[in-house]
Amino acid sequence: MLRSTPLVAALALAGAAVTSACAKTPFEPRIAPGARLASITVTTPAFASAGRIPVDHTCDGTDVRPELVFSAPPPGTKSLVLLVEDPDAQSGLFTHMVAFDVSPHVRKLPGGAELTGAGDAARFGLNDFGSARYAGPCPPKGEAHRYRFRVLALDVALGLPEGAPREKVDAAMDGHILGEGILSGHFGH
């Protein structure tokens, strides 16, 4: 039988504090006041919805964003935000890409490393790797994770600088979301 000592209790509390400090609780920006969240369809020719993400779009391959195709956003949309997220990361939601101020007229974003075709104002925010770019799925060896490619329609352009952190992008979006679409895929080594 293991007896609890003050040292064991202190170590247990310290471990619990470190574990809870590492887990991220994401801030969820709210929809625009009075708006009804519109649905945006998001697809890619690279993989089927809920399908396996091809290796070229991951850290095991060329690590380039797949081409994304989306339906028209709702009326009043001034800009789009694109996010690539891993909800299965051990630390909580992990962001692989943040792109904001994408033109609301874009219906197809070519695959690649840049935001070519996204409009002159389009910028990358910082992902959780600390870089302003797409960084593809890269779960720990032996694990398979889900990935969400999200498109959000906003009633404002954010006007943030290149490399803005995700927290600032989320705060600027808060209360301005008009529509959302999600394409999910999975990848494992």
C-alpha atoms as a PDB file:
ATOM      1  CA  MET A   1       0.000   0.000   0.000  1.00  0.00           C
ATOM      2  CA  LEU A   2       1.386   3.403  -1.020  1.00  0.00           C
ATOM      3  CA  ARG A   3       1.294   5.972   1.751  1.00  0.00           C
ATOM      4  CA  SER A   4       0.846   9.634   1.005  1.00  0.00           C
ATOM      5  CA  THR A   5       3.583  11.858   2.377  1.00  0.00           C
ATOM      6  CA  PRO A   6       3.832  15.624   2.137  1.00  0.00           C
ATOM      7  CA  LEU A   7       6.491  15.227  -0.589  1.00  0.00           C
ATOM      8  CA  VAL A   8       4.325  12.790  -2.618  1.00  0.00           C
ATOM      9  CA  ALA A   9       1.316  15.115  -2.270  1.00  0.00           C
ATOM     10  CA  ALA A  10       3.389  18.141  -3.355  1.00  0.00           C
ATOM     11  CA  LEU A  11       4.746  16.303  -6.388  1.00  0.00           C
ATOM     12  CA  ALA A  12       1.236  15.174  -7.375  1.00  0.00           C
ATOM     13  CA  LEU A  13      -0.061  18.749  -7.143  1.00  0.00           C
ATOM     14  CA  ALA A  14       2.899  20.077  -9.143  1.00  0.00           C
ATOM     15  CA  GLY A  15       2.311  17.449 -11.837  1.00  0.00           C
ATOM     16  CA  ALA A  16      -1.374  18.322 -12.031  1.00  0.00           C
ATOM     17  CA  ALA A  17      -0.542  22.026 -12.318  1.00  0.00           C
ATOM     18  CA  VAL A  18       1.935  21.418 -15.157  1.00  0.00           C
ATOM     19  CA  THR A  19      -0.542  19.177 -16.988  1.00  0.00           C
ATOM     20  CA  SER A  20      -3.353  21.713 -16.745  1.00  0.00           C
ATOM     21  CA  ALA A  21      -1.044  24.586 -17.742  1.00  0.00           C
ATOM     22  CA  CYS A  22      -0.020  22.733 -20.914  1.00  0.00           C
ATOM     23  CA  ALA A  23      -3.579  22.034 -22.075  1.00  0.00           C
ATOM     24  CA  LYS A  24      -4.911  24.866 -24.204  1.00  0.00           C
ATOM     25  CA  THR A  25      -8.508  25.902 -23.856  1.00  0.00           C
ATOM     26  CA  PRO A  26      -9.306  27.532 -27.201  1.00  0.00           C
ATOM     27  CA  PHE A  27     -11.232  30.775 -27.325  1.00  0.00           C
ATOM     28  CA  GLU A  28     -14.163  30.381 -29.706  1.00  0.00           C
ATOM     29  CA  PRO A  29     -14.998  33.645 -31.477  1.00  0.00           C
ATOM     30  CA  ARG A  30     -18.736  34.348 -31.591  1.00  0.00           C
ATOM     31  CA  ILE A  31     -21.008  34.991 -34.553  1.00  0.00           C
ATOM     32  CA  ALA A  32     -22.041  38.514 -35.498  1.00  0.00           C
ATOM     33  CA  PRO A  33     -24.917  39.901 -33.395  1.00  0.00           C
ATOM     34  CA  GLY A  34     -28.253  39.099 -35.019  1.00  0.00           C
ATOM     35  CA  ALA A  35     -26.641  36.843 -37.634  1.00  0.00           C
ATOM     36  CA  ARG A  36     -27.623  33.264 -38.316  1.00  0.00           C
ATOM     37  CA  LEU A  37     -24.534  31.169 -39.025  1.00  0.00           C
ATOM     38  CA  ALA A  38     -24.472  30.316 -42.737  1.00  0.00           C
ATOM     39  CA  SER A  39     -22.988  27.084 -44.043  1.00  0.00           C
ATOM     40  CA  ILE A  40     -20.024  27.117 -46.429  1.00  0.00           C
ATOM     41  CA  THR A  41     -19.089  23.948 -48.307  1.00  0.00           C
ATOM     42  CA  VAL A  42     -15.336  23.202 -48.280  1.00  0.00           C
ATOM     43  CA  THR A  43     -13.806  20.526 -50.526  1.00  0.00           C
ATOM     44  CA  THR A  44     -10.482  19.591 -52.057  1.00  0.00           C
ATOM     45  CA  PRO A  45      -9.574  17.408 -55.027  1.00  0.00           C
ATOM     46  CA  ALA A  46      -6.731  16.012 -52.854  1.00  0.00           C
ATOM     47  CA  PHE A  47      -8.892  13.866 -50.547  1.00  0.00           C
ATOM     48  CA  ALA A  48     -12.508  13.025 -49.738  1.00  0.00           C
ATOM     49  CA  SER A  49     -14.247  14.463 -46.689  1.00  0.00           C
ATOM     50  CA  ALA A  50     -13.117  12.450 -43.625  1.00  0.00           C
ATOM     51  CA  GLY A  51     -10.519  10.760 -45.859  1.00  0.00           C
ATOM     52  CA  ARG A  52      -6.801  10.257 -45.471  1.00  0.00           C
ATOM     53  CA  ILE A  53      -4.747  13.372 -46.221  1.00  0.00           C
ATOM     54  CA  PRO A  54      -2.128  12.568 -48.899  1.00  0.00           C
ATOM     55  CA  VAL A  55       1.471  12.529 -47.716  1.00  0.00           C
ATOM     56  CA  ASP A  56       2.435  15.521 -49.937  1.00  0.00           C
ATOM     57  CA  HIS A  57       0.301  17.766 -47.704  1.00  0.00           C
ATOM     58  CA  THR A  58       2.053  16.577 -44.509  1.00  0.00           C
ATOM     59  CA  CYS A  59       5.444  16.852 -42.812  1.00  0.00           C
ATOM     60  CA  ASP A  60       6.349  13.453 -44.321  1.00  0.00           C
ATOM     61  CA  GLY A  61       6.021  14.873 -47.853  1.00  0.00           C
ATOM     62  CA  THR A  62       6.441  18.283 -49.490  1.00  0.00           C
ATOM     63  CA  ASP A  63       4.334  19.937 -46.741  1.00  0.00           C
ATOM     64  CA  VAL A  64       2.215  22.077 -49.075  1.00  0.00           C
ATOM     65  CA  ARG A  65      -1.403  23.076 -48.520  1.00  0.00           C
ATOM     66  CA  PRO A  66      -3.912  21.194 -50.662  1.00  0.00           C
ATOM     67  CA  GLU A  67      -6.074  23.118 -53.098  1.00  0.00           C
ATOM     68  CA  LEU A  68      -9.223  24.264 -51.321  1.00  0.00           C
ATOM     69  CA  VAL A  69     -12.568  24.924 -52.998  1.00  0.00           C
ATOM     70  CA  PHE A  70     -15.446  26.607 -51.171  1.00  0.00           C
ATOM     71  CA  SER A  71     -18.952  27.766 -51.880  1.00  0.00           C
ATOM     72  CA  ALA A  72     -20.058  31.408 -51.851  1.00  0.00           C
ATOM     73  CA  PRO A  73     -20.055  32.996 -48.413  1.00  0.00           C
ATOM     74  CA  PRO A  74     -23.189  34.709 -47.104  1.00  0.00           C
ATOM     75  CA  PRO A  75     -24.144  38.256 -48.181  1.00  0.00           C
ATOM     76  CA  GLY A  76     -22.245  40.943 -46.287  1.00  0.00           C
ATOM     77  CA  THR A  77     -19.008  38.953 -46.137  1.00  0.00           C
ATOM     78  CA  LYS A  78     -15.985  41.291 -46.201  1.00  0.00           C
ATOM     79  CA  SER A  79     -13.208  38.710 -45.687  1.00  0.00           C
ATOM     80  CA  LEU A  80     -12.496  35.039 -45.096  1.00  0.00           C
ATOM     81  CA  VAL A  81     -10.313  33.335 -42.494  1.00  0.00           C
ATOM     82  CA  LEU A  82      -8.829  29.904 -43.181  1.00  0.00           C
ATOM     83  CA  LEU A  83      -7.652  27.689 -40.341  1.00  0.00           C
ATOM     84  CA  VAL A  84      -6.072  24.246 -40.282  1.00  0.00           C
ATOM     85  CA  GLU A  85      -6.389  22.638 -36.853  1.00  0.00           C
ATOM     86  CA  ASP A  86      -5.578  19.387 -35.075  1.00  0.00           C
ATOM     87  CA  PRO A  87      -8.193  18.816 -32.348  1.00  0.00           C
ATOM     88  CA  ASP A  88      -6.480  15.567 -31.259  1.00  0.00           C
ATOM     89  CA  ALA A  89      -3.164  17.089 -30.149  1.00  0.00           C
ATOM     90  CA  GLN A  90      -2.181  16.113 -26.621  1.00  0.00           C
ATOM     91  CA  SER A  91      -1.800  19.791 -25.625  1.00  0.00           C
ATOM     92  CA  GLY A  92      -5.274  20.662 -26.909  1.00  0.00           C
ATOM     93  CA  LEU A  93      -6.231  22.316 -30.187  1.00  0.00           C
ATOM     94  CA  PHE A  94      -3.084  22.751 -32.331  1.00  0.00           C
ATOM     95  CA  THR A  95      -3.108  25.268 -35.192  1.00  0.00           C
ATOM     96  CA  HIS A  96      -1.264  24.327 -38.391  1.00  0.00           C
ATOM     97  CA  MET A  97      -2.311  27.384 -40.413  1.00  0.00           C
ATOM     98  CA  VAL A  98      -3.966  30.758 -39.955  1.00  0.00           C
ATOM     99  CA  ALA A  99      -4.753  32.847 -43.045  1.00  0.00           C
ATOM    100  CA  PHE A 100      -6.884  35.972 -42.790  1.00  0.00           C
ATOM    101  CA  ASP A 101      -8.229  38.808 -44.940  1.00  0.00           C
ATOM    102  CA  VAL A 102      -8.711  36.356 -47.810  1.00  0.00           C
ATOM    103  CA  SER A 103     -10.931  37.944 -50.465  1.00  0.00           C
ATOM    104  CA  PRO A 104     -14.618  37.004 -50.114  1.00  0.00           C
ATOM    105  CA  HIS A 105     -14.676  36.516 -53.907  1.00  0.00           C
ATOM    106  CA  VAL A 106     -12.250  33.574 -53.797  1.00  0.00           C
ATOM    107  CA  ARG A 107     -13.883  30.209 -54.485  1.00  0.00           C
ATOM    108  CA  LYS A 108     -10.729  28.195 -55.136  1.00  0.00           C
ATOM    109  CA  LEU A 109      -7.401  28.595 -53.379  1.00  0.00           C
ATOM    110  CA  PRO A 110      -4.638  26.835 -55.294  1.00  0.00           C
ATOM    111  CA  GLY A 111      -2.496  24.405 -53.352  1.00  0.00           C
ATOM    112  CA  GLY A 112       1.011  25.392 -52.412  1.00  0.00           C
ATOM    113  CA  ALA A 113       3.042  27.263 -49.847  1.00  0.00           C
ATOM    114  CA  GLU A 114       1.835  30.806 -50.624  1.00  0.00           C
ATOM    115  CA  LEU A 115      -1.548  32.545 -50.558  1.00  0.00           C
ATOM    116  CA  THR A 116      -1.509  33.005 -54.323  1.00  0.00           C
ATOM    117  CA  GLY A 117      -5.003  33.811 -55.561  1.00  0.00           C
ATOM    118  CA  ALA A 118      -6.292  34.780 -52.099  1.00  0.00           C
ATOM    119  CA  GLY A 119      -6.398  38.533 -52.769  1.00  0.00           C
ATOM    120  CA  ASP A 120      -3.916  41.353 -52.156  1.00  0.00           C
ATOM    121  CA  ALA A 121      -4.824  41.789 -48.473  1.00  0.00           C
ATOM    122  CA  ALA A 122      -4.462  38.082 -47.559  1.00  0.00           C
ATOM    123  CA  ARG A 123      -1.926  37.368 -44.823  1.00  0.00           C
ATOM    124  CA  PHE A 124      -0.668  34.414 -42.796  1.00  0.00           C
ATOM    125  CA  GLY A 125      -0.933  34.487 -39.020  1.00  0.00           C
ATOM    126  CA  LEU A 126       1.360  32.493 -36.752  1.00  0.00           C
ATOM    127  CA  ASN A 127       0.672  28.794 -36.440  1.00  0.00           C
ATOM    128  CA  ASP A 128       1.532  26.817 -33.300  1.00  0.00           C
ATOM    129  CA  PHE A 129       4.934  25.951 -34.768  1.00  0.00           C
ATOM    130  CA  GLY A 130       5.687  29.683 -34.535  1.00  0.00           C
ATOM    131  CA  SER A 131       5.774  30.314 -38.300  1.00  0.00           C
ATOM    132  CA  ALA A 132       3.555  32.316 -40.631  1.00  0.00           C
ATOM    133  CA  ARG A 133       2.765  29.599 -43.175  1.00  0.00           C
ATOM    134  CA  TYR A 134       0.977  26.305 -43.686  1.00  0.00           C
ATOM    135  CA  ALA A 135       2.597  23.471 -41.745  1.00  0.00           C
ATOM    136  CA  GLY A 136       0.927  20.203 -42.612  1.00  0.00           C
ATOM    137  CA  PRO A 137      -0.236  17.368 -40.399  1.00  0.00           C
ATOM    138  CA  CYS A 138       2.577  15.863 -38.356  1.00  0.00           C
ATOM    139  CA  PRO A 139       1.232  13.760 -35.474  1.00  0.00           C
ATOM    140  CA  PRO A 140       3.601  11.839 -33.197  1.00  0.00           C
ATOM    141  CA  LYS A 141       4.811   8.527 -34.659  1.00  0.00           C
ATOM    142  CA  GLY A 142       2.264   5.780 -34.138  1.00  0.00           C
ATOM    143  CA  GLU A 143      -0.686   8.172 -33.776  1.00  0.00           C
ATOM    144  CA  ALA A 144      -3.403   9.139 -36.253  1.00  0.00           C
ATOM    145  CA  HIS A 145      -5.047  12.542 -35.809  1.00  0.00           C
ATOM    146  CA  ARG A 146      -8.009  14.345 -37.323  1.00  0.00           C
ATOM    147  CA  TYR A 147      -7.433  17.682 -39.076  1.00  0.00           C
ATOM    148  CA  ARG A 148      -9.982  20.404 -39.798  1.00  0.00           C
ATOM    149  CA  PHE A 149      -9.688  22.797 -42.725  1.00  0.00           C
ATOM    150  CA  ARG A 150     -12.052  25.615 -41.657  1.00  0.00           C
ATOM    151  CA  VAL A 151     -13.297  28.584 -43.668  1.00  0.00           C
ATOM    152  CA  LEU A 152     -14.950  31.425 -41.734  1.00  0.00           C
ATOM    153  CA  ALA A 153     -16.831  34.307 -43.367  1.00  0.00           C
ATOM    154  CA  LEU A 154     -16.557  37.649 -41.547  1.00  0.00           C
ATOM    155  CA  ASP A 155     -18.425  40.944 -41.796  1.00  0.00           C
ATOM    156  CA  VAL A 156     -15.087  42.823 -41.470  1.00  0.00           C
ATOM    157  CA  ALA A 157     -11.554  42.718 -42.816  1.00  0.00           C
ATOM    158  CA  LEU A 158      -9.185  42.196 -39.892  1.00  0.00           C
ATOM    159  CA  GLY A 159      -6.339  44.423 -41.103  1.00  0.00           C
ATOM    160  CA  LEU A 160      -3.808  42.657 -38.883  1.00  0.00           C
ATOM    161  CA  PRO A 161      -0.133  42.430 -39.857  1.00  0.00           C
ATOM    162  CA  GLU A 162       1.493  39.335 -41.349  1.00  0.00           C
ATOM    163  CA  GLY A 163       2.444  36.955 -38.540  1.00  0.00           C
ATOM    164  CA  ALA A 164      -0.320  38.020 -36.148  1.00  0.00           C
ATOM    165  CA  PRO A 165      -0.730  35.349 -33.454  1.00  0.00           C
ATOM    166  CA  ARG A 166      -3.836  33.136 -33.492  1.00  0.00           C
ATOM    167  CA  GLU A 167      -5.086  34.760 -30.261  1.00  0.00           C
ATOM    168  CA  LYS A 168      -5.186  38.206 -31.946  1.00  0.00           C
ATOM    169  CA  VAL A 169      -6.917  36.798 -35.011  1.00  0.00           C
ATOM    170  CA  ASP A 170      -9.529  35.088 -32.792  1.00  0.00           C
ATOM    171  CA  ALA A 171     -10.073  38.282 -30.777  1.00  0.00           C
ATOM    172  CA  ALA A 172     -10.476  40.368 -33.958  1.00  0.00           C
ATOM    173  CA  MET A 173     -12.990  37.825 -35.370  1.00  0.00           C
ATOM    174  CA  ASP A 174     -15.078  37.780 -32.193  1.00  0.00           C
ATOM    175  CA  GLY A 175     -18.613  38.956 -32.936  1.00  0.00           C
ATOM    176  CA  HIS A 176     -18.009  39.129 -36.709  1.00  0.00           C
ATOM    177  CA  ILE A 177     -18.583  35.562 -37.966  1.00  0.00           C
ATOM    178  CA  LEU A 178     -21.312  35.172 -40.596  1.00  0.00           C
ATOM    179  CA  GLY A 179     -20.604  31.662 -41.896  1.00  0.00           C
ATOM    180  CA  GLU A 180     -18.433  28.598 -41.496  1.00  0.00           C
ATOM    181  CA  GLY A 181     -17.434  25.502 -43.400  1.00  0.00           C
ATOM    182  CA  ILE A 182     -15.263  22.573 -42.348  1.00  0.00           C
ATOM    183  CA  LEU A 183     -13.479  19.885 -44.333  1.00  0.00           C
ATOM    184  CA  SER A 184     -12.072  17.094 -42.169  1.00  0.00           C
ATOM    185  CA  GLY A 185      -9.341  14.609 -42.941  1.00  0.00           C
ATOM    186  CA  HIS A 186      -6.988  12.334 -41.025  1.00  0.00           C
ATOM    187  CA  PHE A 187      -3.326  11.431 -41.102  1.00  0.00           C
ATOM    188  CA  GLY A 188      -0.976   9.131 -39.231  1.00  0.00           C
ATOM    189  CA  HIS A 189       2.573   7.919 -39.793  1.00  0.00           C
END
